[in-house]
Amino acid sequence: MKTRICIVGILLLMAWRACGQAAQLSMSSQVQYSTVIVGAQDPLYTYIYNEAPTGSANGNFQVYATFPYGTSGTVSGSKIADGGTGYITIPFNFDTSQVTPASNVQVSATMVDTNTNYSMTQYGAVTVLAHASPELYLGGQPMPLASYNKPGAIPQPTQASSPNDLTVTVQTTNFGESSPGGTEMAASANPQMLGDPPDVPTAELDLDSISSAGSPYITTTLTTFTDMPPEDLADDEPFQINADVPGPGDYSSTFTLHYSDEQDLPGTDIPGAQVAYFTVDADVNPDTTTFTIEAPEPANALLVATVAVIGTLRRRRRH
């Protein structure tokens, strides 16, 4: 019986000593996604620990997050002591629609121990990408095809130096010898497809489908693709524009591009969600053919590039 009393007395003494120890609060934090597309919701998780031995005092705290657009509300709580084996999870939401796309956008989480007023702040960085948008690269100059109207998106810049005056002319062979006839832009004048917008970090571009309306004689070799890097001429998509026509005259066709962002990041558009277009006019004469490419500017003005035929009218055989 005395032994039992002795054991109980020792346990009570140990519990009393443990309860006399102060809390030892600590925190870790983590942003769920390091790279997102503007508009995505990116959770910032904070984890609150009490590393004091089990039975020590509870740790009382306040925690909040700071984003480029302001500070979140403060969350208060209490964490029991367990030697740091458990934690309380407190999430905050980083609303990327409220920031300008950029690399290394700074976020932080701060915990305040309300028993001691000790505070701890941890920092993180998120790359916020602009939405992908296609552009043509023609004659060494870009021609944006569309702009985003989503909150937080980067508008397309006005093209003060648009390729309005790009003109190249060469003589063609006798058009009357070929029926039907045809001509195409040479490689040096054909457009290239690029991702856009320039000068900001941007999601990669998916061209999901292409359709055309107008003259069936104006065709293009442009095909669908995925994950085109933005503004990278090394990874561009060159294509041809052809006019396989029955005779001299004016021909026109409009090409509609259904596109989206790369599909492996938060905030992406669904495939084909966005639309851009450009119009090709071909003025075919017996000795020259002039191509004109038009695309809408963000202010709904027309951006015009004119390229006269390069190469020769090619003879076509009927089969």
C-alpha atoms as a PDB file:
ATOM      1  CA  MET A   1       0.000   0.000   0.000  1.00  0.00           C
ATOM      2  CA  LYS A   2       2.825   2.394   0.812  1.00  0.00           C
ATOM      3  CA  THR A   3       4.405   1.552  -2.540  1.00  0.00           C
ATOM      4  CA  ARG A   4       1.222   2.593  -4.361  1.00  0.00           C
ATOM      5  CA  ILE A   5       1.097   5.887  -2.467  1.00  0.00           C
ATOM      6  CA  CYS A   6       4.737   6.505  -3.370  1.00  0.00           C
ATOM      7  CA  ILE A   7       4.114   5.844  -7.075  1.00  0.00           C
ATOM      8  CA  VAL A   8       1.035   8.077  -7.128  1.00  0.00           C
ATOM      9  CA  GLY A   9       2.987  10.792  -5.364  1.00  0.00           C
ATOM     10  CA  ILE A  10       5.787  10.623  -7.957  1.00  0.00           C
ATOM     11  CA  LEU A  11       3.304  10.802 -10.865  1.00  0.00           C
ATOM     12  CA  LEU A  12       1.550  13.796  -9.326  1.00  0.00           C
ATOM     13  CA  LEU A  13       4.872  15.535  -8.817  1.00  0.00           C
ATOM     14  CA  MET A  14       5.857  14.923 -12.467  1.00  0.00           C
ATOM     15  CA  ALA A  15       2.491  16.257 -13.682  1.00  0.00           C
ATOM     16  CA  TRP A  16       2.835  19.344 -11.482  1.00  0.00           C
ATOM     17  CA  ARG A  17       6.317  20.042 -12.829  1.00  0.00           C
ATOM     18  CA  ALA A  18       5.140  19.598 -16.431  1.00  0.00           C
ATOM     19  CA  CYS A  19       2.215  21.945 -15.916  1.00  0.00           C
ATOM     20  CA  GLY A  20       4.624  24.519 -14.642  1.00  0.00           C
ATOM     21  CA  GLN A  21       6.508  24.667 -17.950  1.00  0.00           C
ATOM     22  CA  ALA A  22       5.717  27.403 -20.464  1.00  0.00           C
ATOM     23  CA  ALA A  23       4.434  26.741 -23.954  1.00  0.00           C
ATOM     24  CA  GLN A  24       6.965  26.624 -26.783  1.00  0.00           C
ATOM     25  CA  LEU A  25       5.129  27.715 -29.915  1.00  0.00           C
ATOM     26  CA  SER A  26       6.581  27.313 -33.388  1.00  0.00           C
ATOM     27  CA  MET A  27       5.236  27.620 -36.916  1.00  0.00           C
ATOM     28  CA  SER A  28       5.869  26.343 -40.420  1.00  0.00           C
ATOM     29  CA  SER A  29       4.127  27.534 -43.575  1.00  0.00           C
ATOM     30  CA  GLN A  30       3.786  26.501 -47.195  1.00  0.00           C
ATOM     31  CA  VAL A  31       2.182  27.879 -50.359  1.00  0.00           C
ATOM     32  CA  GLN A  32       0.420  25.052 -52.184  1.00  0.00           C
ATOM     33  CA  TYR A  33       1.471  26.054 -55.720  1.00  0.00           C
ATOM     34  CA  SER A  34       4.742  27.769 -56.596  1.00  0.00           C
ATOM     35  CA  THR A  35       3.533  28.694 -60.102  1.00  0.00           C
ATOM     36  CA  VAL A  36      -0.020  29.655 -61.066  1.00  0.00           C
ATOM     37  CA  ILE A  37      -1.858  31.514 -63.814  1.00  0.00           C
ATOM     38  CA  VAL A  38      -3.330  34.869 -62.797  1.00  0.00           C
ATOM     39  CA  GLY A  39      -6.800  34.431 -61.333  1.00  0.00           C
ATOM     40  CA  ALA A  40      -6.030  31.185 -59.524  1.00  0.00           C
ATOM     41  CA  GLN A  41      -6.680  30.770 -55.808  1.00  0.00           C
ATOM     42  CA  ASP A  42      -3.450  29.604 -54.157  1.00  0.00           C
ATOM     43  CA  PRO A  43      -3.777  28.375 -50.542  1.00  0.00           C
ATOM     44  CA  LEU A  44      -1.132  29.422 -48.019  1.00  0.00           C
ATOM     45  CA  TYR A  45      -1.083  26.928 -45.157  1.00  0.00           C
ATOM     46  CA  THR A  46       0.289  27.669 -41.699  1.00  0.00           C
ATOM     47  CA  TYR A  47       1.019  24.911 -39.175  1.00  0.00           C
ATOM     48  CA  ILE A  48       1.162  25.806 -35.457  1.00  0.00           C
ATOM     49  CA  TYR A  49       3.100  23.565 -33.028  1.00  0.00           C
ATOM     50  CA  ASN A  50       3.597  23.546 -29.241  1.00  0.00           C
ATOM     51  CA  GLU A  51       6.956  21.866 -28.666  1.00  0.00           C
ATOM     52  CA  ALA A  52       6.843  21.961 -24.878  1.00  0.00           C
ATOM     53  CA  PRO A  53       6.559  18.532 -23.161  1.00  0.00           C
ATOM     54  CA  THR A  54       3.112  16.995 -22.880  1.00  0.00           C
ATOM     55  CA  GLY A  55       1.283  18.500 -19.953  1.00  0.00           C
ATOM     56  CA  SER A  56       2.950  21.907 -20.243  1.00  0.00           C
ATOM     57  CA  ALA A  57       0.957  25.077 -20.656  1.00  0.00           C
ATOM     58  CA  ASN A  58      -1.185  25.665 -23.719  1.00  0.00           C
ATOM     59  CA  GLY A  59       0.200  28.074 -26.301  1.00  0.00           C
ATOM     60  CA  ASN A  60      -2.087  30.942 -27.245  1.00  0.00           C
ATOM     61  CA  PHE A  61      -1.453  32.571 -30.595  1.00  0.00           C
ATOM     62  CA  GLN A  62      -2.636  34.815 -33.377  1.00  0.00           C
ATOM     63  CA  VAL A  63      -1.677  34.221 -37.012  1.00  0.00           C
ATOM     64  CA  TYR A  64      -2.225  36.170 -40.230  1.00  0.00           C
ATOM     65  CA  ALA A  65      -0.967  36.270 -43.832  1.00  0.00           C
ATOM     66  CA  THR A  66       0.305  39.178 -45.896  1.00  0.00           C
ATOM     67  CA  PHE A  67      -0.132  39.428 -49.681  1.00  0.00           C
ATOM     68  CA  PRO A  68       0.803  42.188 -52.160  1.00  0.00           C
ATOM     69  CA  TYR A  69      -2.734  43.571 -51.985  1.00  0.00           C
ATOM     70  CA  GLY A  70      -3.005  43.579 -48.160  1.00  0.00           C
ATOM     71  CA  THR A  71      -3.169  41.559 -44.961  1.00  0.00           C
ATOM     72  CA  SER A  72      -5.641  38.803 -44.200  1.00  0.00           C
ATOM     73  CA  GLY A  73      -7.842  38.669 -41.151  1.00  0.00           C
ATOM     74  CA  THR A  74      -6.216  37.451 -37.924  1.00  0.00           C
ATOM     75  CA  VAL A  75      -6.985  33.976 -36.628  1.00  0.00           C
ATOM     76  CA  SER A  76      -6.648  33.303 -32.886  1.00  0.00           C
ATOM     77  CA  GLY A  77      -6.252  29.908 -31.273  1.00  0.00           C
ATOM     78  CA  SER A  78      -4.642  27.732 -28.635  1.00  0.00           C
ATOM     79  CA  LYS A  79      -2.367  24.707 -29.069  1.00  0.00           C
ATOM     80  CA  ILE A  80      -1.878  22.080 -26.355  1.00  0.00           C
ATOM     81  CA  ALA A  81       1.643  20.974 -25.546  1.00  0.00           C
ATOM     82  CA  ASP A  82       2.581  17.596 -27.058  1.00  0.00           C
ATOM     83  CA  GLY A  83       6.296  17.845 -27.679  1.00  0.00           C
ATOM     84  CA  GLY A  84       5.671  19.095 -31.208  1.00  0.00           C
ATOM     85  CA  THR A  85       4.134  15.855 -32.468  1.00  0.00           C
ATOM     86  CA  GLY A  86       0.868  17.482 -33.540  1.00  0.00           C
ATOM     87  CA  TYR A  87      -0.124  20.752 -35.146  1.00  0.00           C
ATOM     88  CA  ILE A  88      -3.048  23.010 -35.997  1.00  0.00           C
ATOM     89  CA  THR A  89      -3.530  23.851 -39.685  1.00  0.00           C
ATOM     90  CA  ILE A  90      -4.732  27.342 -40.551  1.00  0.00           C
ATOM     91  CA  PRO A  91      -5.227  28.110 -44.288  1.00  0.00           C
ATOM     92  CA  PHE A  92      -5.206  31.504 -45.945  1.00  0.00           C
ATOM     93  CA  ASN A  93      -6.144  32.207 -49.546  1.00  0.00           C
ATOM     94  CA  PHE A  94      -3.882  34.021 -51.992  1.00  0.00           C
ATOM     95  CA  ASP A  95      -6.192  35.552 -54.600  1.00  0.00           C
ATOM     96  CA  THR A  96      -3.899  36.002 -57.603  1.00  0.00           C
ATOM     97  CA  SER A  97      -6.554  37.912 -59.558  1.00  0.00           C
ATOM     98  CA  GLN A  98      -5.542  40.903 -57.416  1.00  0.00           C
ATOM     99  CA  VAL A  99      -1.879  40.978 -58.462  1.00  0.00           C
ATOM    100  CA  THR A 100       0.065  41.787 -61.603  1.00  0.00           C
ATOM    101  CA  PRO A 101       1.711  38.749 -63.198  1.00  0.00           C
ATOM    102  CA  ALA A 102       5.361  38.594 -62.159  1.00  0.00           C
ATOM    103  CA  SER A 103       8.052  36.226 -60.987  1.00  0.00           C
ATOM    104  CA  ASN A 104       8.645  35.806 -57.239  1.00  0.00           C
ATOM    105  CA  VAL A 105       5.528  37.525 -55.923  1.00  0.00           C
ATOM    106  CA  GLN A 106       6.134  37.753 -52.167  1.00  0.00           C
ATOM    107  CA  VAL A 107       3.726  36.339 -49.565  1.00  0.00           C
ATOM    108  CA  SER A 108       4.241  35.764 -45.845  1.00  0.00           C
ATOM    109  CA  ALA A 109       2.704  34.271 -42.717  1.00  0.00           C
ATOM    110  CA  THR A 110       3.130  35.720 -39.211  1.00  0.00           C
ATOM    111  CA  MET A 111       2.444  34.083 -35.847  1.00  0.00           C
ATOM    112  CA  VAL A 112       2.306  36.026 -32.571  1.00  0.00           C
ATOM    113  CA  ASP A 113       2.611  34.209 -29.216  1.00  0.00           C
ATOM    114  CA  THR A 114       0.043  36.204 -27.237  1.00  0.00           C
ATOM    115  CA  ASN A 115       1.496  35.006 -23.918  1.00  0.00           C
ATOM    116  CA  THR A 116       4.939  36.490 -24.608  1.00  0.00           C
ATOM    117  CA  ASN A 117       4.293  38.814 -27.616  1.00  0.00           C
ATOM    118  CA  TYR A 118       7.028  36.947 -29.474  1.00  0.00           C
ATOM    119  CA  SER A 119       6.377  36.924 -33.216  1.00  0.00           C
ATOM    120  CA  MET A 120       7.681  34.859 -36.120  1.00  0.00           C
ATOM    121  CA  THR A 121       7.324  35.624 -39.852  1.00  0.00           C
ATOM    122  CA  GLN A 122       8.031  33.250 -42.727  1.00  0.00           C
ATOM    123  CA  TYR A 123       8.256  34.306 -46.374  1.00  0.00           C
ATOM    124  CA  GLY A 124       7.519  32.588 -49.658  1.00  0.00           C
ATOM    125  CA  ALA A 125       7.400  33.427 -53.365  1.00  0.00           C
ATOM    126  CA  VAL A 126       4.911  32.561 -56.106  1.00  0.00           C
ATOM    127  CA  THR A 127       5.321  33.013 -59.842  1.00  0.00           C
ATOM    128  CA  VAL A 128       2.071  34.409 -61.238  1.00  0.00           C
ATOM    129  CA  LEU A 129       1.807  33.993 -65.013  1.00  0.00           C
ATOM    130  CA  ALA A 130      -0.275  36.050 -67.420  1.00  0.00           C
ATOM    131  CA  HIS A 131      -2.754  34.151 -69.564  1.00  0.00           C
ATOM    132  CA  ALA A 132      -1.463  32.854 -72.871  1.00  0.00           C
ATOM    133  CA  SER A 133      -2.511  34.692 -76.000  1.00  0.00           C
ATOM    134  CA  PRO A 134      -1.381  34.161 -79.590  1.00  0.00           C
ATOM    135  CA  GLU A 135       0.376  36.604 -81.862  1.00  0.00           C
ATOM    136  CA  LEU A 136       1.752  36.525 -85.357  1.00  0.00           C
ATOM    137  CA  TYR A 137       5.362  37.434 -85.970  1.00  0.00           C
ATOM    138  CA  LEU A 138       5.599  38.959 -89.412  1.00  0.00           C
ATOM    139  CA  GLY A 139       8.489  40.780 -91.006  1.00  0.00           C
ATOM    140  CA  GLY A 140      10.359  40.974 -87.707  1.00  0.00           C
ATOM    141  CA  GLN A 141       7.458  42.541 -85.824  1.00  0.00           C
ATOM    142  CA  PRO A 142       4.726  41.111 -83.561  1.00  0.00           C
ATOM    143  CA  MET A 143       1.021  41.288 -84.369  1.00  0.00           C
ATOM    144  CA  PRO A 144      -1.139  40.473 -81.295  1.00  0.00           C
ATOM    145  CA  LEU A 145      -4.313  38.620 -82.223  1.00  0.00           C
ATOM    146  CA  ALA A 146      -6.353  38.881 -79.028  1.00  0.00           C
ATOM    147  CA  SER A 147      -6.421  40.372 -75.558  1.00  0.00           C
ATOM    148  CA  TYR A 148      -7.765  39.179 -72.230  1.00  0.00           C
ATOM    149  CA  ASN A 149     -10.581  40.902 -70.403  1.00  0.00           C
ATOM    150  CA  LYS A 150     -10.251  38.884 -67.218  1.00  0.00           C
ATOM    151  CA  PRO A 151      -9.629  40.700 -63.901  1.00  0.00           C
ATOM    152  CA  GLY A 152      -5.928  40.955 -63.213  1.00  0.00           C
ATOM    153  CA  ALA A 153      -4.892  40.027 -66.742  1.00  0.00           C
ATOM    154  CA  ILE A 154      -2.330  42.043 -68.663  1.00  0.00           C
ATOM    155  CA  PRO A 155      -3.868  43.927 -71.619  1.00  0.00           C
ATOM    156  CA  GLN A 156      -2.165  43.718 -74.951  1.00  0.00           C
ATOM    157  CA  PRO A 157       0.069  46.733 -75.642  1.00  0.00           C
ATOM    158  CA  THR A 158      -0.830  49.013 -78.504  1.00  0.00           C
ATOM    159  CA  GLN A 159       1.430  48.348 -81.438  1.00  0.00           C
ATOM    160  CA  ALA A 160       2.797  51.769 -82.380  1.00  0.00           C
ATOM    161  CA  SER A 161       5.303  50.054 -84.667  1.00  0.00           C
ATOM    162  CA  SER A 162       2.866  47.585 -86.212  1.00  0.00           C
ATOM    163  CA  PRO A 163       3.976  46.082 -89.550  1.00  0.00           C
ATOM    164  CA  ASN A 164       1.668  48.270 -91.634  1.00  0.00           C
ATOM    165  CA  ASP A 165       4.349  49.069 -94.199  1.00  0.00           C
ATOM    166  CA  LEU A 166       5.828  45.604 -94.684  1.00  0.00           C
ATOM    167  CA  THR A 167       5.813  45.094 -98.463  1.00  0.00           C
ATOM    168  CA  VAL A 168       7.831  42.715-100.596  1.00  0.00           C
ATOM    169  CA  THR A 169       7.128  42.345-104.314  1.00  0.00           C
ATOM    170  CA  VAL A 170       8.487  39.926-106.917  1.00  0.00           C
ATOM    171  CA  GLN A 171       7.423  39.076-110.432  1.00  0.00           C
ATOM    172  CA  THR A 172       5.525  35.855-111.004  1.00  0.00           C
ATOM    173  CA  THR A 173       5.297  33.619-114.025  1.00  0.00           C
ATOM    174  CA  ASN A 174       2.477  33.895-116.529  1.00  0.00           C
ATOM    175  CA  PHE A 175      -0.615  33.137-114.463  1.00  0.00           C
ATOM    176  CA  GLY A 176      -2.653  32.204-117.522  1.00  0.00           C
ATOM    177  CA  GLU A 177      -0.586  29.064-118.076  1.00  0.00           C
ATOM    178  CA  SER A 178      -1.828  27.403-114.911  1.00  0.00           C
ATOM    179  CA  SER A 179      -5.379  26.371-114.210  1.00  0.00           C
ATOM    180  CA  PRO A 180      -5.984  26.466-111.391  1.00  0.00           C
ATOM    181  CA  GLY A 181      -3.045  28.673-110.462  1.00  0.00           C
ATOM    182  CA  GLY A 182      -1.462  29.216-107.121  1.00  0.00           C
ATOM    183  CA  THR A 183       0.993  31.266-105.176  1.00  0.00           C
ATOM    184  CA  GLU A 184       2.340  31.341-101.650  1.00  0.00           C
ATOM    185  CA  MET A 185       4.416  33.522 -99.411  1.00  0.00           C
ATOM    186  CA  ALA A 186       8.055  32.505 -99.325  1.00  0.00           C
ATOM    187  CA  ALA A 187       9.610  31.408 -96.059  1.00  0.00           C
ATOM    188  CA  SER A 188      11.119  34.838 -95.447  1.00  0.00           C
ATOM    189  CA  ALA A 189       7.682  36.486 -95.448  1.00  0.00           C
ATOM    190  CA  ASN A 190       5.449  33.788 -94.003  1.00  0.00           C
ATOM    191  CA  PRO A 191       4.092  34.414 -90.499  1.00  0.00           C
ATOM    192  CA  GLN A 192       5.221  32.651 -87.342  1.00  0.00           C
ATOM    193  CA  MET A 193       2.900  31.903 -84.437  1.00  0.00           C
ATOM    194  CA  LEU A 194       4.154  33.006 -81.023  1.00  0.00           C
ATOM    195  CA  GLY A 195       2.893  33.071 -77.463  1.00  0.00           C
ATOM    196  CA  ASP A 196       2.065  36.489 -76.018  1.00  0.00           C
ATOM    197  CA  PRO A 197       1.999  38.970 -74.218  1.00  0.00           C
ATOM    198  CA  PRO A 198       5.586  40.246 -74.267  1.00  0.00           C
ATOM    199  CA  ASP A 199       7.765  41.311 -71.350  1.00  0.00           C
ATOM    200  CA  VAL A 200       5.791  39.581 -68.593  1.00  0.00           C
ATOM    201  CA  PRO A 201       5.944  35.957 -67.416  1.00  0.00           C
ATOM    202  CA  THR A 202       3.238  34.182 -69.387  1.00  0.00           C
ATOM    203  CA  ALA A 203       1.677  30.736 -69.469  1.00  0.00           C
ATOM    204  CA  GLU A 204       2.467  28.522 -72.420  1.00  0.00           C
ATOM    205  CA  LEU A 205      -0.016  28.535 -75.283  1.00  0.00           C
ATOM    206  CA  ASP A 206      -2.234  25.726 -76.559  1.00  0.00           C
ATOM    207  CA  LEU A 207      -3.799  26.145 -79.999  1.00  0.00           C
ATOM    208  CA  ASP A 208      -6.748  23.781 -79.667  1.00  0.00           C
ATOM    209  CA  SER A 209      -8.538  24.113 -83.016  1.00  0.00           C
ATOM    210  CA  ILE A 210      -8.604  26.182 -86.215  1.00  0.00           C
ATOM    211  CA  SER A 211     -11.501  26.964 -88.529  1.00  0.00           C
ATOM    212  CA  SER A 212     -11.866  29.210 -91.579  1.00  0.00           C
ATOM    213  CA  ALA A 213     -14.624  31.051 -93.409  1.00  0.00           C
ATOM    214  CA  GLY A 214     -14.546  32.777 -96.767  1.00  0.00           C
ATOM    215  CA  SER A 215     -12.720  31.809 -99.913  1.00  0.00           C
ATOM    216  CA  PRO A 216     -11.805  28.117-100.044  1.00  0.00           C
ATOM    217  CA  TYR A 217      -8.816  29.049-102.206  1.00  0.00           C
ATOM    218  CA  ILE A 218      -6.971  30.761 -99.321  1.00  0.00           C
ATOM    219  CA  THR A 219      -5.418  28.095 -97.109  1.00  0.00           C
ATOM    220  CA  THR A 220      -2.833  27.827 -94.356  1.00  0.00           C
ATOM    221  CA  THR A 221      -0.567  25.076 -93.080  1.00  0.00           C
ATOM    222  CA  LEU A 222      -1.006  26.223 -89.474  1.00  0.00           C
ATOM    223  CA  THR A 223      -1.899  23.258 -87.225  1.00  0.00           C
ATOM    224  CA  THR A 224      -2.796  22.798 -83.572  1.00  0.00           C
ATOM    225  CA  PHE A 225      -0.094  22.565 -80.913  1.00  0.00           C
ATOM    226  CA  THR A 226       0.396  22.514 -77.140  1.00  0.00           C
ATOM    227  CA  ASP A 227       2.740  24.213 -74.665  1.00  0.00           C
ATOM    228  CA  MET A 228       4.286  26.890 -76.872  1.00  0.00           C
ATOM    229  CA  PRO A 229       6.599  29.084 -74.758  1.00  0.00           C
ATOM    230  CA  PRO A 230       5.788  32.806 -74.856  1.00  0.00           C
ATOM    231  CA  GLU A 231       7.769  35.189 -77.062  1.00  0.00           C
ATOM    232  CA  ASP A 232      10.387  32.588 -77.966  1.00  0.00           C
ATOM    233  CA  LEU A 233      11.435  32.620 -81.598  1.00  0.00           C
ATOM    234  CA  ALA A 234      13.397  29.428 -81.026  1.00  0.00           C
ATOM    235  CA  ASP A 235      10.121  27.619 -80.304  1.00  0.00           C
ATOM    236  CA  ASP A 236       7.858  29.392 -82.754  1.00  0.00           C
ATOM    237  CA  GLU A 237       5.401  27.751 -85.156  1.00  0.00           C
ATOM    238  CA  PRO A 238       6.155  28.863 -88.745  1.00  0.00           C
ATOM    239  CA  PHE A 239       3.425  28.259 -91.302  1.00  0.00           C
ATOM    240  CA  GLN A 240       2.540  29.080 -94.883  1.00  0.00           C
ATOM    241  CA  ILE A 241      -0.335  31.007 -96.387  1.00  0.00           C
ATOM    242  CA  ASN A 242      -1.307  29.845 -99.863  1.00  0.00           C
ATOM    243  CA  ALA A 243      -3.594  31.130-102.597  1.00  0.00           C
ATOM    244  CA  ASP A 244      -4.590  28.268-104.906  1.00  0.00           C
ATOM    245  CA  VAL A 245      -7.006  30.234-107.063  1.00  0.00           C
ATOM    246  CA  PRO A 246      -8.795  29.619-110.400  1.00  0.00           C
ATOM    247  CA  GLY A 247      -7.799  33.002-111.830  1.00  0.00           C
ATOM    248  CA  PRO A 248      -6.889  36.621-111.077  1.00  0.00           C
ATOM    249  CA  GLY A 249      -9.122  38.452-108.613  1.00  0.00           C
ATOM    250  CA  ASP A 250      -9.561  39.337-104.969  1.00  0.00           C
ATOM    251  CA  TYR A 251      -9.899  36.492-102.463  1.00  0.00           C
ATOM    252  CA  SER A 252     -10.364  36.625 -98.695  1.00  0.00           C
ATOM    253  CA  SER A 253     -10.639  34.163 -95.830  1.00  0.00           C
ATOM    254  CA  THR A 254     -10.841  34.563 -92.053  1.00  0.00           C
ATOM    255  CA  PHE A 255      -9.095  32.052 -89.784  1.00  0.00           C
ATOM    256  CA  THR A 256     -10.489  31.540 -86.291  1.00  0.00           C
ATOM    257  CA  LEU A 257      -8.148  30.253 -83.571  1.00  0.00           C
ATOM    258  CA  HIS A 258      -9.578  28.575 -80.474  1.00  0.00           C
ATOM    259  CA  TYR A 259      -6.866  28.582 -77.849  1.00  0.00           C
ATOM    260  CA  SER A 260      -6.149  28.243 -74.132  1.00  0.00           C
ATOM    261  CA  ASP A 261      -3.386  28.170 -71.537  1.00  0.00           C
ATOM    262  CA  GLU A 262      -1.214  25.162 -70.880  1.00  0.00           C
ATOM    263  CA  GLN A 263      -3.347  22.662 -68.991  1.00  0.00           C
ATOM    264  CA  ASP A 264      -1.079  21.687 -66.095  1.00  0.00           C
ATOM    265  CA  LEU A 265      -1.250  24.836 -63.920  1.00  0.00           C
ATOM    266  CA  PRO A 266      -3.904  26.245 -61.562  1.00  0.00           C
ATOM    267  CA  GLY A 267      -5.920  29.025 -63.168  1.00  0.00           C
ATOM    268  CA  THR A 268      -5.811  27.622 -66.699  1.00  0.00           C
ATOM    269  CA  ASP A 269      -8.643  28.142 -69.150  1.00  0.00           C
ATOM    270  CA  ILE A 270     -10.393  25.071 -70.466  1.00  0.00           C
ATOM    271  CA  PRO A 271      -9.336  24.008 -73.993  1.00  0.00           C
ATOM    272  CA  GLY A 272     -10.704  26.272 -76.706  1.00  0.00           C
ATOM    273  CA  ALA A 273     -12.102  28.771 -74.217  1.00  0.00           C
ATOM    274  CA  GLN A 274     -10.559  31.814 -75.925  1.00  0.00           C
ATOM    275  CA  VAL A 275     -10.898  32.939 -79.533  1.00  0.00           C
ATOM    276  CA  ALA A 276      -8.713  35.038 -81.828  1.00  0.00           C
ATOM    277  CA  TYR A 277      -8.787  35.489 -85.567  1.00  0.00           C
ATOM    278  CA  PHE A 278      -6.959  36.983 -88.512  1.00  0.00           C
ATOM    279  CA  THR A 279      -8.089  37.682 -92.066  1.00  0.00           C
ATOM    280  CA  VAL A 280      -6.029  37.052 -95.208  1.00  0.00           C
ATOM    281  CA  ASP A 281      -6.828  38.960 -98.390  1.00  0.00           C
ATOM    282  CA  ALA A 282      -5.104  37.977-101.641  1.00  0.00           C
ATOM    283  CA  ASP A 283      -5.173  40.388-104.575  1.00  0.00           C
ATOM    284  CA  VAL A 284      -4.122  38.099-107.435  1.00  0.00           C
ATOM    285  CA  ASN A 285      -2.925  39.678-110.677  1.00  0.00           C
ATOM    286  CA  PRO A 286      -1.322  38.043-113.715  1.00  0.00           C
ATOM    287  CA  ASP A 287       2.163  39.106-112.637  1.00  0.00           C
ATOM    288  CA  THR A 288       1.937  39.799-108.883  1.00  0.00           C
ATOM    289  CA  THR A 289      -0.149  38.776-105.898  1.00  0.00           C
ATOM    290  CA  THR A 290      -0.474  40.908-102.764  1.00  0.00           C
ATOM    291  CA  PHE A 291      -1.376  39.331 -99.435  1.00  0.00           C
ATOM    292  CA  THR A 292      -2.852  41.510 -96.666  1.00  0.00           C
ATOM    293  CA  ILE A 293      -3.208  40.152 -93.133  1.00  0.00           C
ATOM    294  CA  GLU A 294      -5.565  41.933 -90.747  1.00  0.00           C
ATOM    295  CA  ALA A 295      -6.097  41.319 -87.040  1.00  0.00           C
ATOM    296  CA  PRO A 296      -8.027  43.225 -84.336  1.00  0.00           C
ATOM    297  CA  GLU A 297      -6.038  45.402 -81.984  1.00  0.00           C
ATOM    298  CA  PRO A 298      -7.110  45.658 -78.312  1.00  0.00           C
ATOM    299  CA  ALA A 299      -8.820  48.971 -79.097  1.00  0.00           C
ATOM    300  CA  ASN A 300     -10.728  47.183 -81.883  1.00  0.00           C
ATOM    301  CA  ALA A 301      -8.706  48.967 -84.550  1.00  0.00           C
ATOM    302  CA  LEU A 302      -7.271  47.009 -87.449  1.00  0.00           C
ATOM    303  CA  LEU A 303      -3.662  46.019 -87.545  1.00  0.00           C
ATOM    304  CA  VAL A 304      -2.647  45.496 -91.136  1.00  0.00           C
ATOM    305  CA  ALA A 305       0.357  43.753 -92.641  1.00  0.00           C
ATOM    306  CA  THR A 306       0.740  43.682 -96.391  1.00  0.00           C
ATOM    307  CA  VAL A 307       3.021  41.263 -98.168  1.00  0.00           C
ATOM    308  CA  ALA A 308       3.178  41.008-101.940  1.00  0.00           C
ATOM    309  CA  VAL A 309       3.794  37.631-103.455  1.00  0.00           C
ATOM    310  CA  ILE A 310       7.191  36.024-103.006  1.00  0.00           C
ATOM    311  CA  GLY A 311       8.172  33.182-105.262  1.00  0.00           C
ATOM    312  CA  THR A 312       6.349  32.176-108.420  1.00  0.00           C
ATOM    313  CA  LEU A 313       2.882  31.147-109.341  1.00  0.00           C
ATOM    314  CA  ARG A 314       3.120  27.403-109.313  1.00  0.00           C
ATOM    315  CA  ARG A 315       1.758  25.249-112.097  1.00  0.00           C
ATOM    316  CA  ARG A 316      -1.009  22.910-110.991  1.00  0.00           C
ATOM    317  CA  ARG A 317      -1.975  19.738-112.781  1.00  0.00           C
ATOM    318  CA  ARG A 318      -5.451  18.306-112.799  1.00  0.00           C
ATOM    319  CA  HIS A 319      -5.726  14.630-111.893  1.00  0.00           C
END
